Amino acid sequence: MTFEIISLVNKIEMKEKAAQWFHEKWGLPREAYLESMNESINNEQSIPQWYIVLSDNGQIIGGMGIIENDFHDRKDLTPNVCALYIDENYRSQGIAGKLLDYGCEDMRDKKIRTLYLLTSHRSFYEQYRWKFYCMVKEDGETELTRMYIHKY
């Protein structure tokens, strides 16, 4: 199976489709994704950034963003990988790892050397060189969630 990872700033014609795809996967308002994507496209800042994975027939099969804060109380732990998702039919093929690497490389090129991510997974990210960092409180939640760090 072949696929292509792209930064949305390099394929802005996919913005509307990407915002709808993320909305369907995560349930956050499509407009919130569009606002963040527009900020990425219209701004020369490093953050936010959005990435999508396209199948060989041009369908979005995966994606993720890098934003300032992924809805948690540790505002000092920034920027955050967010909304990482690979469609079920394409999982267990290393696509998530390649997508994470792509985003990390892009951030490194932008002189950002540390990234964080919030997750309930216990071992998935370790295989991609992420390390457990601390527990944080998600906005509106009472339970703590795992925060991971990636430095390079």
Protein backbone atom coordinates (compact mmCIF):
# COMPACT_ATOMS: atom_id res chain seq x y z
CA MET A 1 0.00 0.00 0.00
CA THR A 2 1.37 3.39 -0.92
CA PHE A 3 0.51 6.65 0.78
CA GLU A 4 1.73 10.23 0.89
CA ILE A 5 2.09 12.47 3.94
CA ILE A 6 1.68 16.15 3.24
CA SER A 7 1.60 19.37 5.18
CA LEU A 8 -1.70 21.11 4.61
CA VAL A 9 0.09 24.41 3.95
CA ASN A 10 1.46 22.72 0.80
CA LYS A 11 -1.94 21.48 -0.37
CA ILE A 12 -4.42 24.12 0.76
CA GLU A 13 -7.05 22.91 -1.69
CA MET A 14 -7.54 19.95 0.72
CA LYS A 15 -8.38 22.25 3.68
CA GLU A 16 -12.19 21.88 3.57
CA LYS A 17 -12.02 18.12 3.09
CA ALA A 18 -9.41 17.78 5.86
CA ALA A 19 -11.47 19.85 8.32
CA GLN A 20 -14.50 17.64 7.63
CA TRP A 21 -12.39 14.48 8.03
CA PHE A 22 -10.98 15.58 11.42
CA HIS A 23 -14.47 16.64 12.55
CA GLU A 24 -15.85 13.19 11.70
CA LYS A 25 -13.03 11.44 13.58
CA TRP A 26 -12.94 13.58 16.74
CA GLY A 27 -16.34 15.26 16.96
CA LEU A 28 -14.98 18.77 17.45
CA PRO A 29 -16.64 21.45 15.32
CA ARG A 30 -15.50 21.53 11.70
CA GLU A 31 -15.20 25.31 12.04
CA ALA A 32 -12.61 24.93 14.83
CA TYR A 33 -10.42 22.83 12.54
CA LEU A 34 -10.90 25.29 9.67
CA GLU A 35 -9.95 28.22 11.91
CA SER A 36 -6.74 26.49 13.01
CA MET A 37 -5.93 25.39 9.45
CA ASN A 38 -6.49 28.92 8.15
CA GLU A 39 -4.19 30.25 10.86
CA SER A 40 -1.56 27.77 9.74
CA ILE A 41 -1.95 28.67 6.06
CA ASN A 42 -2.14 32.46 6.52
CA ASN A 43 0.50 32.81 9.20
CA GLU A 44 4.24 32.37 9.02
CA GLN A 45 4.38 31.09 12.60
CA SER A 46 5.45 27.51 13.22
CA ILE A 47 2.30 26.61 15.16
CA PRO A 48 -0.34 25.46 14.32
CA GLN A 49 0.45 22.90 11.61
CA TRP A 50 -1.78 20.23 10.09
CA TYR A 51 -0.77 17.08 8.23
CA ILE A 52 -2.79 14.56 6.26
CA VAL A 53 -2.06 11.13 4.86
CA LEU A 54 -3.40 10.44 1.39
CA SER A 55 -3.94 6.96 -0.04
CA ASP A 56 -2.79 6.15 -3.56
CA ASN A 57 -6.27 7.16 -4.80
CA GLY A 58 -6.13 10.55 -3.03
CA GLN A 59 -8.41 9.77 -0.06
CA ILE A 60 -7.53 11.05 3.41
CA ILE A 61 -6.68 8.01 5.53
CA GLY A 62 -4.88 9.72 8.40
CA GLY A 63 -3.91 13.00 9.91
CA MET A 64 -2.68 14.98 12.87
CA GLY A 65 -2.10 18.51 14.01
CA ILE A 66 0.45 20.36 16.09
CA ILE A 67 -1.11 23.12 18.17
CA GLU A 68 -0.18 25.23 21.21
CA ASN A 69 -2.31 23.32 23.74
CA ASP A 70 -4.43 20.20 23.40
CA PHE A 71 -7.03 21.18 26.02
CA HIS A 72 -5.08 20.57 29.25
CA ASP A 73 -4.02 22.55 32.31
CA ARG A 74 -0.26 22.56 31.66
CA LYS A 75 0.00 25.57 29.38
CA ASP A 76 3.80 25.46 29.77
CA LEU A 77 3.98 22.10 27.94
CA THR A 78 3.80 23.28 24.34
CA PRO A 79 3.44 22.66 21.43
CA ASN A 80 1.21 19.58 21.39
CA VAL A 81 0.60 16.89 18.81
CA CYS A 82 -3.17 16.54 18.53
CA ALA A 83 -5.88 14.66 16.66
CA LEU A 84 -3.60 11.84 15.49
CA TYR A 85 -5.83 9.35 13.72
CA ILE A 86 -5.37 6.59 11.14
CA ASP A 87 -8.44 5.02 9.56
CA GLU A 88 -9.00 1.49 10.89
CA ASN A 89 -8.36 -0.25 7.56
CA TYR A 90 -4.87 1.29 7.43
CA ARG A 91 -3.70 0.67 10.98
CA SER A 92 -0.79 -1.61 11.97
CA GLN A 93 1.16 -0.62 8.85
CA GLY A 94 3.48 1.93 10.47
CA ILE A 95 1.62 4.93 9.07
CA ALA A 96 1.16 6.58 12.48
CA GLY A 97 4.89 6.33 13.15
CA LYS A 98 5.74 7.84 9.78
CA LEU A 99 3.23 10.63 10.35
CA LEU A 100 4.70 11.38 13.79
CA ASP A 101 8.21 11.40 12.30
CA TYR A 102 7.08 13.74 9.52
CA GLY A 103 5.59 16.20 12.00
CA CYS A 104 8.66 16.02 14.26
CA GLU A 105 10.98 16.64 11.31
CA ASP A 106 8.87 19.60 10.21
CA MET A 107 9.03 21.07 13.71
CA ARG A 108 12.78 20.49 13.88
CA ASP A 109 13.14 22.38 10.59
CA LYS A 110 11.18 25.20 12.26
CA LYS A 111 13.63 25.14 15.22
CA ILE A 112 11.16 23.50 17.62
CA ARG A 113 13.00 20.70 19.40
CA THR A 114 10.45 19.50 21.97
CA LEU A 115 6.90 18.28 21.40
CA TYR A 116 4.25 16.97 23.80
CA LEU A 117 1.16 14.85 23.37
CA LEU A 118 -1.77 13.90 25.54
CA THR A 119 -3.03 10.33 25.39
CA SER A 120 -4.77 7.54 27.25
CA HIS A 121 -2.60 4.96 25.45
CA ARG A 122 -0.05 3.26 27.68
CA SER A 123 2.54 1.85 25.27
CA PHE A 124 1.77 2.95 21.73
CA TYR A 125 3.94 6.07 21.58
CA GLU A 126 7.01 4.53 23.23
CA GLN A 127 7.65 2.51 20.07
CA TYR A 128 8.10 5.83 18.25
CA ARG A 129 10.65 7.26 20.74
CA TRP A 130 8.17 9.24 22.83
CA LYS A 131 8.65 9.11 26.60
CA PHE A 132 6.11 9.39 29.39
CA TYR A 133 6.57 12.81 30.98
CA CYS A 134 3.84 13.44 33.57
CA MET A 135 0.13 13.32 34.30
CA VAL A 136 -2.01 16.34 33.41
CA LYS A 137 -5.62 17.32 33.82
CA GLU A 138 -7.65 17.71 30.64
CA ASP A 139 -10.01 20.67 30.48
CA GLY A 140 -13.32 19.74 32.09
CA GLU A 141 -12.10 16.35 33.38
CA THR A 142 -11.45 15.13 36.92
CA GLU A 143 -9.12 12.23 36.05
CA LEU A 144 -5.51 12.75 35.03
CA THR A 145 -4.25 11.81 31.56
CA ARG A 146 -0.78 10.80 30.37
CA MET A 147 1.50 13.43 28.80
CA TYR A 148 4.36 12.30 26.59
CA ILE A 149 7.42 14.22 25.40
CA HIS A 150 9.64 13.93 22.32
CA LYS A 151 12.99 15.74 22.17
CA TYR A 152 15.54 15.76 19.40
